[in-house]
PDB file of all heavy atoms in Angstrom:
ATOM      1  N   ASN A   1      14.369   8.167  -9.334  1.00  0.00           N
ATOM      2  CA  ASN A   1      14.419   8.014  -7.890  1.00  0.00           C
ATOM      3  C   ASN A   1      14.969   6.684  -7.521  1.00  0.00           C
ATOM      4  O   ASN A   1      14.540   5.674  -8.055  1.00  0.00           O
ATOM      5  CB  ASN A   1      13.092   8.266  -7.246  1.00  0.00           C
ATOM      6  CG  ASN A   1      12.516   9.640  -7.546  1.00  0.00           C
ATOM      7  OD1 ASN A   1      13.249  10.621  -7.465  1.00  0.00           O
ATOM      8  ND2 ASN A   1      11.234   9.732  -7.877  1.00  0.00           N
ATOM      9  N   ILE A   2      15.973   6.626  -6.619  1.00  0.00           N
ATOM     10  CA  ILE A   2      16.479   5.375  -6.190  1.00  0.00           C
ATOM     11  C   ILE A   2      15.591   4.651  -5.236  1.00  0.00           C
ATOM     12  O   ILE A   2      15.107   5.211  -4.291  1.00  0.00           O
ATOM     13  CB  ILE A   2      17.923   5.605  -5.525  1.00  0.00           C
ATOM     14  CG1 ILE A   2      18.867   6.149  -6.539  1.00  0.00           C
ATOM     15  CG2 ILE A   2      18.444   4.324  -4.880  1.00  0.00           C
ATOM     16  CD1 ILE A   2      20.235   6.486  -5.981  1.00  0.00           C
ATOM     17  N   SER A   3      15.302   3.351  -5.544  1.00  0.00           N
ATOM     18  CA  SER A   3      14.417   2.552  -4.649  1.00  0.00           C
ATOM     19  C   SER A   3      15.114   1.213  -4.475  1.00  0.00           C
ATOM     20  O   SER A   3      14.706   0.167  -5.012  1.00  0.00           O
ATOM     21  CB  SER A   3      13.055   2.373  -5.286  1.00  0.00           C
ATOM     22  OG  SER A   3      13.199   1.838  -6.616  1.00  0.00           O
ATOM     23  N   MET A   4      16.206   1.202  -3.713  1.00  0.00           N
ATOM     24  CA  MET A   4      17.056   0.054  -3.593  1.00  0.00           C
ATOM     25  C   MET A   4      16.414  -1.150  -2.899  1.00  0.00           C
ATOM     26  O   MET A   4      15.798  -1.034  -1.822  1.00  0.00           O
ATOM     27  CB  MET A   4      18.268   0.425  -2.710  1.00  0.00           C
ATOM     28  CG  MET A   4      19.511  -0.410  -2.987  1.00  0.00           C
ATOM     29  SD  MET A   4      20.375   0.231  -4.412  1.00  0.00           S
ATOM     30  CE  MET A   4      21.127   1.713  -3.734  1.00  0.00           C
ATOM     31  N   GLY A   5      16.440  -2.287  -3.594  1.00  0.00           N
ATOM     32  CA  GLY A   5      16.031  -3.561  -2.942  1.00  0.00           C
ATOM     33  C   GLY A   5      14.591  -3.948  -3.061  1.00  0.00           C
ATOM     34  O   GLY A   5      14.247  -5.120  -2.825  1.00  0.00           O
ATOM     35  N   THR A   6      13.703  -3.039  -3.430  1.00  0.00           N
ATOM     36  CA  THR A   6      12.255  -3.362  -3.474  1.00  0.00           C
ATOM     37  C   THR A   6      11.957  -4.399  -4.523  1.00  0.00           C
ATOM     38  O   THR A   6      11.106  -5.278  -4.388  1.00  0.00           O
ATOM     39  CB  THR A   6      11.400  -2.109  -3.666  1.00  0.00           C
ATOM     40  OG1 THR A   6      11.830  -1.468  -4.850  1.00  0.00           O
ATOM     41  CG2 THR A   6      11.592  -1.154  -2.482  1.00  0.00           C
ATOM     42  N   SER A   7      12.635  -4.344  -5.683  1.00  0.00           N
ATOM     43  CA  SER A   7      12.383  -5.292  -6.757  1.00  0.00           C
ATOM     44  C   SER A   7      12.735  -6.688  -6.360  1.00  0.00           C
ATOM     45  O   SER A   7      12.026  -7.645  -6.702  1.00  0.00           O
ATOM     46  CB  SER A   7      13.101  -4.856  -8.011  1.00  0.00           C
ATOM     47  OG  SER A   7      12.675  -3.586  -8.514  1.00  0.00           O
ATOM     48  N   GLY A   8      13.821  -6.861  -5.663  1.00  0.00           N
ATOM     49  CA  GLY A   8      14.256  -8.195  -5.225  1.00  0.00           C
ATOM     50  C   GLY A   8      13.256  -8.763  -4.290  1.00  0.00           C
ATOM     51  O   GLY A   8      12.913  -9.986  -4.402  1.00  0.00           O
ATOM     52  N   HIS A   9      12.700  -7.986  -3.384  1.00  0.00           N
ATOM     53  CA  HIS A   9      11.639  -8.508  -2.484  1.00  0.00           C
ATOM     54  C   HIS A   9      10.384  -8.932  -3.284  1.00  0.00           C
ATOM     55  O   HIS A   9       9.765  -9.936  -2.955  1.00  0.00           O
ATOM     56  CB  HIS A   9      11.267  -7.484  -1.418  1.00  0.00           C
ATOM     57  CG  HIS A   9      12.396  -7.160  -0.470  1.00  0.00           C
ATOM     58  ND1 HIS A   9      13.046  -8.154   0.177  1.00  0.00           N
ATOM     59  CD2 HIS A   9      12.921  -6.001  -0.077  1.00  0.00           C
ATOM     60  CE1 HIS A   9      14.016  -7.623   0.956  1.00  0.00           C
ATOM     61  NE2 HIS A   9      13.940  -6.317   0.812  1.00  0.00           N
ATOM     62  N   ALA A  10      10.074  -8.211  -4.282  1.00  0.00           N
ATOM     63  CA  ALA A  10       8.828  -8.523  -5.094  1.00  0.00           C
ATOM     64  C   ALA A  10       9.037  -9.866  -5.785  1.00  0.00           C
ATOM     65  O   ALA A  10       8.096 -10.707  -5.884  1.00  0.00           O
ATOM     66  CB  ALA A  10       8.592  -7.440  -6.137  1.00  0.00           C
ATOM     67  N   LEU A  11      10.291 -10.165  -6.266  1.00  0.00           N
ATOM     68  CA  LEU A  11      10.515 -11.385  -7.012  1.00  0.00           C
ATOM     69  C   LEU A  11      10.553 -12.581  -6.113  1.00  0.00           C
ATOM     70  O   LEU A  11      10.307 -13.712  -6.548  1.00  0.00           O
ATOM     71  CB  LEU A  11      11.874 -11.275  -7.763  1.00  0.00           C
ATOM     72  CG  LEU A  11      11.887 -10.373  -8.983  1.00  0.00           C
ATOM     73  CD1 LEU A  11      13.271 -10.121  -9.475  1.00  0.00           C
ATOM     74  CD2 LEU A  11      11.010 -11.013 -10.125  1.00  0.00           C
ATOM     75  N   GLN A  12      10.894 -12.429  -4.844  1.00  0.00           N
ATOM     76  CA  GLN A  12      10.872 -13.496  -3.866  1.00  0.00           C
ATOM     77  C   GLN A  12       9.458 -14.153  -3.747  1.00  0.00           C
ATOM     78  O   GLN A  12       9.376 -15.392  -3.541  1.00  0.00           O
ATOM     79  CB  GLN A  12      11.342 -13.085  -2.488  1.00  0.00           C
ATOM     80  CG  GLN A  12      12.772 -12.701  -2.409  1.00  0.00           C
ATOM     81  CD  GLN A  12      13.157 -12.174  -1.039  1.00  0.00           C
ATOM     82  OE1 GLN A  12      12.412 -12.317  -0.088  1.00  0.00           O
ATOM     83  NE2 GLN A  12      14.348 -11.611  -0.923  1.00  0.00           N
ATOM     84  N   ASN A  13       8.395 -13.339  -3.890  1.00  0.00           N
ATOM     85  CA  ASN A  13       7.061 -13.824  -3.671  1.00  0.00           C
ATOM     86  C   ASN A  13       6.226 -13.641  -4.896  1.00  0.00           C
ATOM     87  O   ASN A  13       5.088 -13.232  -4.853  1.00  0.00           O
ATOM     88  CB  ASN A  13       6.482 -13.046  -2.495  1.00  0.00           C
ATOM     89  CG  ASN A  13       7.286 -13.096  -1.238  1.00  0.00           C
ATOM     90  OD1 ASN A  13       7.405 -14.173  -0.636  1.00  0.00           O
ATOM     91  ND2 ASN A  13       7.887 -12.018  -0.824  1.00  0.00           N
ATOM     92  N   TYR A  14       6.801 -13.996  -6.034  1.00  0.00           N
ATOM     93  CA  TYR A  14       6.102 -13.770  -7.334  1.00  0.00           C
ATOM     94  C   TYR A  14       5.333 -14.965  -7.852  1.00  0.00           C
ATOM     95  O   TYR A  14       4.812 -14.949  -8.954  1.00  0.00           O
ATOM     96  CB  TYR A  14       7.124 -13.256  -8.356  1.00  0.00           C
ATOM     97  CG  TYR A  14       6.541 -12.569  -9.503  1.00  0.00           C
ATOM     98  CD1 TYR A  14       5.898 -11.350  -9.426  1.00  0.00           C
ATOM     99  CD2 TYR A  14       6.593 -13.158 -10.835  1.00  0.00           C
ATOM    100  CE1 TYR A  14       5.329 -10.665 -10.477  1.00  0.00           C
ATOM    101  CE2 TYR A  14       6.004 -12.466 -11.870  1.00  0.00           C
ATOM    102  CZ  TYR A  14       5.382 -11.280 -11.742  1.00  0.00           C
ATOM    103  OH  TYR A  14       4.811 -10.634 -12.787  1.00  0.00           O
ATOM    104  N   THR A  15       5.244 -16.025  -7.090  1.00  0.00           N
ATOM    105  CA  THR A  15       4.692 -17.279  -7.564  1.00  0.00           C
ATOM    106  C   THR A  15       3.317 -17.103  -8.240  1.00  0.00           C
ATOM    107  O   THR A  15       3.079 -17.434  -9.394  1.00  0.00           O
ATOM    108  CB  THR A  15       4.591 -18.295  -6.434  1.00  0.00           C
ATOM    109  OG1 THR A  15       5.891 -18.474  -5.879  1.00  0.00           O
ATOM    110  CG2 THR A  15       4.083 -19.634  -6.984  1.00  0.00           C
ATOM    111  N   ILE A  16       2.354 -16.622  -7.469  1.00  0.00           N
ATOM    112  CA  ILE A  16       1.004 -16.502  -7.952  1.00  0.00           C
ATOM    113  C   ILE A  16       0.912 -15.526  -9.107  1.00  0.00           C
ATOM    114  O   ILE A  16       0.165 -15.726 -10.096  1.00  0.00           O
ATOM    115  CB  ILE A  16       0.029 -16.145  -6.813  1.00  0.00           C
ATOM    116  CG1 ILE A  16      -0.167 -17.254  -5.857  1.00  0.00           C
ATOM    117  CG2 ILE A  16      -1.342 -15.715  -7.380  1.00  0.00           C
ATOM    118  CD1 ILE A  16      -1.152 -17.080  -4.756  1.00  0.00           C
ATOM    119  N   HIS A  17       1.691 -14.488  -9.051  1.00  0.00           N
ATOM    120  CA  HIS A  17       1.700 -13.478 -10.122  1.00  0.00           C
ATOM    121  C   HIS A  17       2.258 -14.054 -11.442  1.00  0.00           C
ATOM    122  O   HIS A  17       1.724 -13.792 -12.513  1.00  0.00           O
ATOM    123  CB  HIS A  17       2.523 -12.227  -9.720  1.00  0.00           C
ATOM    124  CG  HIS A  17       2.026 -11.599  -8.465  1.00  0.00           C
ATOM    125  ND1 HIS A  17       0.908 -10.842  -8.416  1.00  0.00           N
ATOM    126  CD2 HIS A  17       2.503 -11.626  -7.183  1.00  0.00           C
ATOM    127  CE1 HIS A  17       0.709 -10.381  -7.180  1.00  0.00           C
ATOM    128  NE2 HIS A  17       1.684 -10.852  -6.407  1.00  0.00           N
ATOM    129  N   ALA A  18       3.328 -14.926 -11.319  1.00  0.00           N
ATOM    130  CA  ALA A  18       3.873 -15.509 -12.520  1.00  0.00           C
ATOM    131  C   ALA A  18       2.809 -16.487 -13.207  1.00  0.00           C
ATOM    132  O   ALA A  18       2.691 -16.461 -14.406  1.00  0.00           O
ATOM    133  CB  ALA A  18       5.102 -16.326 -12.137  1.00  0.00           C
ATOM    134  N   ILE A  19       2.118 -17.240 -12.379  1.00  0.00           N
ATOM    135  CA  ILE A  19       1.130 -18.143 -12.893  1.00  0.00           C
ATOM    136  C   ILE A  19      -0.042 -17.325 -13.475  1.00  0.00           C
ATOM    137  O   ILE A  19      -0.538 -17.649 -14.580  1.00  0.00           O
ATOM    138  CB  ILE A  19       0.581 -19.067 -11.793  1.00  0.00           C
ATOM    139  CG1 ILE A  19       1.738 -19.959 -11.274  1.00  0.00           C
ATOM    140  CG2 ILE A  19      -0.547 -19.908 -12.267  1.00  0.00           C
ATOM    141  CD1 ILE A  19       1.422 -20.694  -9.991  1.00  0.00           C
ATOM    142  N   THR A  20      -0.444 -16.281 -12.766  1.00  0.00           N
ATOM    143  CA  THR A  20      -1.545 -15.362 -13.299  1.00  0.00           C
ATOM    144  C   THR A  20      -1.173 -14.749 -14.666  1.00  0.00           C
ATOM    145  O   THR A  20      -1.968 -14.718 -15.509  1.00  0.00           O
ATOM    146  CB  THR A  20      -1.799 -14.304 -12.226  1.00  0.00           C
ATOM    147  OG1 THR A  20      -2.256 -14.897 -11.029  1.00  0.00           O
ATOM    148  CG2 THR A  20      -2.908 -13.350 -12.734  1.00  0.00           C
ATOM    149  N   ASP A  21       0.076 -14.265 -14.729  1.00  0.00           N
ATOM    150  CA  ASP A  21       0.569 -13.608 -15.960  1.00  0.00           C
ATOM    151  C   ASP A  21       0.423 -14.556 -17.152  1.00  0.00           C
ATOM    152  O   ASP A  21      -0.054 -14.197 -18.282  1.00  0.00           O
ATOM    153  CB  ASP A  21       1.985 -13.146 -15.852  1.00  0.00           C
ATOM    154  CG  ASP A  21       2.105 -11.946 -14.892  1.00  0.00           C
ATOM    155  OD1 ASP A  21       1.070 -11.375 -14.555  1.00  0.00           O
ATOM    156  OD2 ASP A  21       3.254 -11.580 -14.581  1.00  0.00           O
ATOM    157  N   HIS A  22       0.842 -15.825 -16.976  1.00  0.00           N
ATOM    158  CA  HIS A  22       0.772 -16.767 -18.070  1.00  0.00           C
ATOM    159  C   HIS A  22      -0.705 -17.129 -18.400  1.00  0.00           C
ATOM    160  O   HIS A  22      -1.037 -17.157 -19.611  1.00  0.00           O
ATOM    161  CB  HIS A  22       1.500 -18.089 -17.730  1.00  0.00           C
ATOM    162  CG  HIS A  22       1.351 -19.137 -18.764  1.00  0.00           C
ATOM    163  ND1 HIS A  22       1.835 -18.970 -20.014  1.00  0.00           N
ATOM    164  CD2 HIS A  22       0.731 -20.306 -18.726  1.00  0.00           C
ATOM    165  CE1 HIS A  22       1.506 -20.064 -20.725  1.00  0.00           C
ATOM    166  NE2 HIS A  22       0.839 -20.885 -19.993  1.00  0.00           N
ATOM    167  N   ILE A  23      -1.504 -17.324 -17.419  1.00  0.00           N
ATOM    168  CA  ILE A  23      -2.951 -17.651 -17.676  1.00  0.00           C
ATOM    169  C   ILE A  23      -3.606 -16.515 -18.435  1.00  0.00           C
ATOM    170  O   ILE A  23      -4.334 -16.729 -19.385  1.00  0.00           O
ATOM    171  CB  ILE A  23      -3.675 -17.945 -16.372  1.00  0.00           C
ATOM    172  CG1 ILE A  23      -3.170 -19.271 -15.792  1.00  0.00           C
ATOM    173  CG2 ILE A  23      -5.156 -18.045 -16.601  1.00  0.00           C
ATOM    174  CD1 ILE A  23      -3.707 -19.572 -14.379  1.00  0.00           C
ATOM    175  N   ILE A  24      -3.330 -15.258 -17.995  1.00  0.00           N
ATOM    176  CA  ILE A  24      -3.976 -14.119 -18.682  1.00  0.00           C
ATOM    177  C   ILE A  24      -3.490 -14.058 -20.144  1.00  0.00           C
ATOM    178  O   ILE A  24      -4.284 -13.794 -21.033  1.00  0.00           O
ATOM    179  CB  ILE A  24      -3.633 -12.860 -17.943  1.00  0.00           C
ATOM    180  CG1 ILE A  24      -4.396 -12.802 -16.564  1.00  0.00           C
ATOM    181  CG2 ILE A  24      -3.984 -11.609 -18.789  1.00  0.00           C
ATOM    182  CD1 ILE A  24      -3.987 -11.642 -15.695  1.00  0.00           C
ATOM    183  N   ASP A  25      -2.175 -14.299 -20.381  1.00  0.00           N
ATOM    184  CA  ASP A  25      -1.693 -14.224 -21.774  1.00  0.00           C
ATOM    185  C   ASP A  25      -2.349 -15.289 -22.632  1.00  0.00           C
ATOM    186  O   ASP A  25      -2.809 -14.952 -23.772  1.00  0.00           O
ATOM    187  CB  ASP A  25      -0.172 -14.517 -21.766  1.00  0.00           C
ATOM    188  CG  ASP A  25       0.641 -13.320 -21.245  1.00  0.00           C
ATOM    189  OD1 ASP A  25       0.036 -12.242 -21.065  1.00  0.00           O
ATOM    190  OD2 ASP A  25       1.828 -13.516 -20.924  1.00  0.00           O
ATOM    191  N   VAL A  26      -2.474 -16.529 -22.132  1.00  0.00           N
ATOM    192  CA  VAL A  26      -3.116 -17.593 -22.899  1.00  0.00           C
ATOM    193  C   VAL A  26      -4.576 -17.269 -23.169  1.00  0.00           C
ATOM    194  O   VAL A  26      -5.099 -17.425 -24.307  1.00  0.00           O
ATOM    195  CB  VAL A  26      -2.950 -18.941 -22.189  1.00  0.00           C
ATOM    196  CG1 VAL A  26      -3.815 -20.025 -22.897  1.00  0.00           C
ATOM    197  CG2 VAL A  26      -1.496 -19.361 -22.165  1.00  0.00           C
ATOM    198  N   ARG A  27      -5.290 -16.855 -22.124  1.00  0.00           N
ATOM    199  CA  ARG A  27      -6.729 -16.561 -22.247  1.00  0.00           C
ATOM    200  C   ARG A  27      -6.978 -15.394 -23.191  1.00  0.00           C
ATOM    201  O   ARG A  27      -7.994 -15.333 -23.953  1.00  0.00           O
ATOM    202  CB  ARG A  27      -7.371 -16.407 -20.896  1.00  0.00           C
ATOM    203  CG  ARG A  27      -7.557 -17.739 -20.190  1.00  0.00           C
ATOM    204  CD  ARG A  27      -7.948 -17.508 -18.693  1.00  0.00           C
ATOM    205  NE  ARG A  27      -8.960 -16.560 -18.544  1.00  0.00           N
ATOM    206  CZ  ARG A  27     -10.305 -16.812 -18.740  1.00  0.00           C
ATOM    207  NH1 ARG A  27     -10.699 -18.005 -19.152  1.00  0.00           N
ATOM    208  NH2 ARG A  27     -11.234 -15.818 -18.567  1.00  0.00           N
ATOM    209  N   ASN A  28      -6.086 -14.419 -23.166  1.00  0.00           N
ATOM    210  CA  ASN A  28      -6.259 -13.251 -24.104  1.00  0.00           C
ATOM    211  C   ASN A  28      -6.110 -13.681 -25.509  1.00  0.00           C
ATOM    212  O   ASN A  28      -6.817 -13.223 -26.376  1.00  0.00           O
ATOM    213  CB  ASN A  28      -5.237 -12.203 -23.703  1.00  0.00           C
ATOM    214  CG  ASN A  28      -5.556 -11.387 -22.484  1.00  0.00           C
ATOM    215  OD1 ASN A  28      -6.670 -11.462 -22.044  1.00  0.00           O
ATOM    216  ND2 ASN A  28      -4.596 -10.648 -21.952  1.00  0.00           N
ATOM    217  N   ASN A  29      -5.214 -14.644 -25.773  1.00  0.00           N
ATOM    218  CA  ASN A  29      -5.040 -15.150 -27.155  1.00  0.00           C
ATOM    219  C   ASN A  29      -6.255 -15.916 -27.582  1.00  0.00           C
ATOM    220  O   ASN A  29      -6.635 -15.927 -28.741  1.00  0.00           O
ATOM    221  CB  ASN A  29      -3.768 -16.032 -27.172  1.00  0.00           C
ATOM    222  CG  ASN A  29      -2.495 -15.229 -27.174  1.00  0.00           C
ATOM    223  OD1 ASN A  29      -2.483 -14.045 -27.535  1.00  0.00           O
ATOM    224  ND2 ASN A  29      -1.412 -15.855 -26.647  1.00  0.00           N
ATOM    225  N   LEU A  30      -6.857 -16.679 -26.615  1.00  0.00           N
ATOM    226  CA  LEU A  30      -8.008 -17.520 -26.983  1.00  0.00           C
ATOM    227  C   LEU A  30      -9.300 -16.733 -27.052  1.00  0.00           C
ATOM    228  O   LEU A  30     -10.168 -17.016 -27.914  1.00  0.00           O
ATOM    229  CB  LEU A  30      -8.147 -18.658 -25.954  1.00  0.00           C
ATOM    230  CG  LEU A  30      -6.990 -19.700 -25.963  1.00  0.00           C
ATOM    231  CD1 LEU A  30      -7.188 -20.628 -24.736  1.00  0.00           C
ATOM    232  CD2 LEU A  30      -7.023 -20.495 -27.247  1.00  0.00           C
ATOM    233  N   LEU A  31      -9.469 -15.769 -26.160  1.00  0.00           N
ATOM    234  CA  LEU A  31     -10.783 -15.144 -25.963  1.00  0.00           C
ATOM    235  C   LEU A  31     -10.813 -13.691 -26.361  1.00  0.00           C
ATOM    236  O   LEU A  31     -11.849 -13.035 -26.368  1.00  0.00           O
ATOM    237  CB  LEU A  31     -11.262 -15.282 -24.526  1.00  0.00           C
ATOM    238  CG  LEU A  31     -11.476 -16.729 -24.016  1.00  0.00           C
ATOM    239  CD1 LEU A  31     -11.839 -16.685 -22.532  1.00  0.00           C
ATOM    240  CD2 LEU A  31     -12.531 -17.453 -24.788  1.00  0.00           C
ATOM    241  N   GLY A  32      -9.574 -13.090 -26.535  1.00  0.00           N
ATOM    242  CA  GLY A  32      -9.549 -11.638 -26.722  1.00  0.00           C
ATOM    243  C   GLY A  32      -9.269 -10.889 -25.423  1.00  0.00           C
ATOM    244  O   GLY A  32      -9.373 -11.499 -24.313  1.00  0.00           O
ATOM    245  N   LEU A  33      -9.064  -9.634 -25.540  1.00  0.00           N
ATOM    246  CA  LEU A  33      -8.686  -8.824 -24.366  1.00  0.00           C
ATOM    247  C   LEU A  33      -9.839  -8.478 -23.433  1.00  0.00           C
ATOM    248  O   LEU A  33      -9.653  -7.912 -22.354  1.00  0.00           O
ATOM    249  CB  LEU A  33      -7.984  -7.510 -24.824  1.00  0.00           C
ATOM    250  CG  LEU A  33      -6.675  -7.734 -25.563  1.00  0.00           C
ATOM    251  CD1 LEU A  33      -6.150  -6.349 -26.056  1.00  0.00           C
ATOM    252  CD2 LEU A  33      -5.613  -8.403 -24.702  1.00  0.00           C
TER     253      LEU A  33
END
């Protein structure tokens, strides 16, 4: 299904999600899933 443009809007406001993704990756490596 075509969903034109929605991904671009998501990336414009991805700041907190990008930081969250990295923190989760690091903590999963240190503490487990």
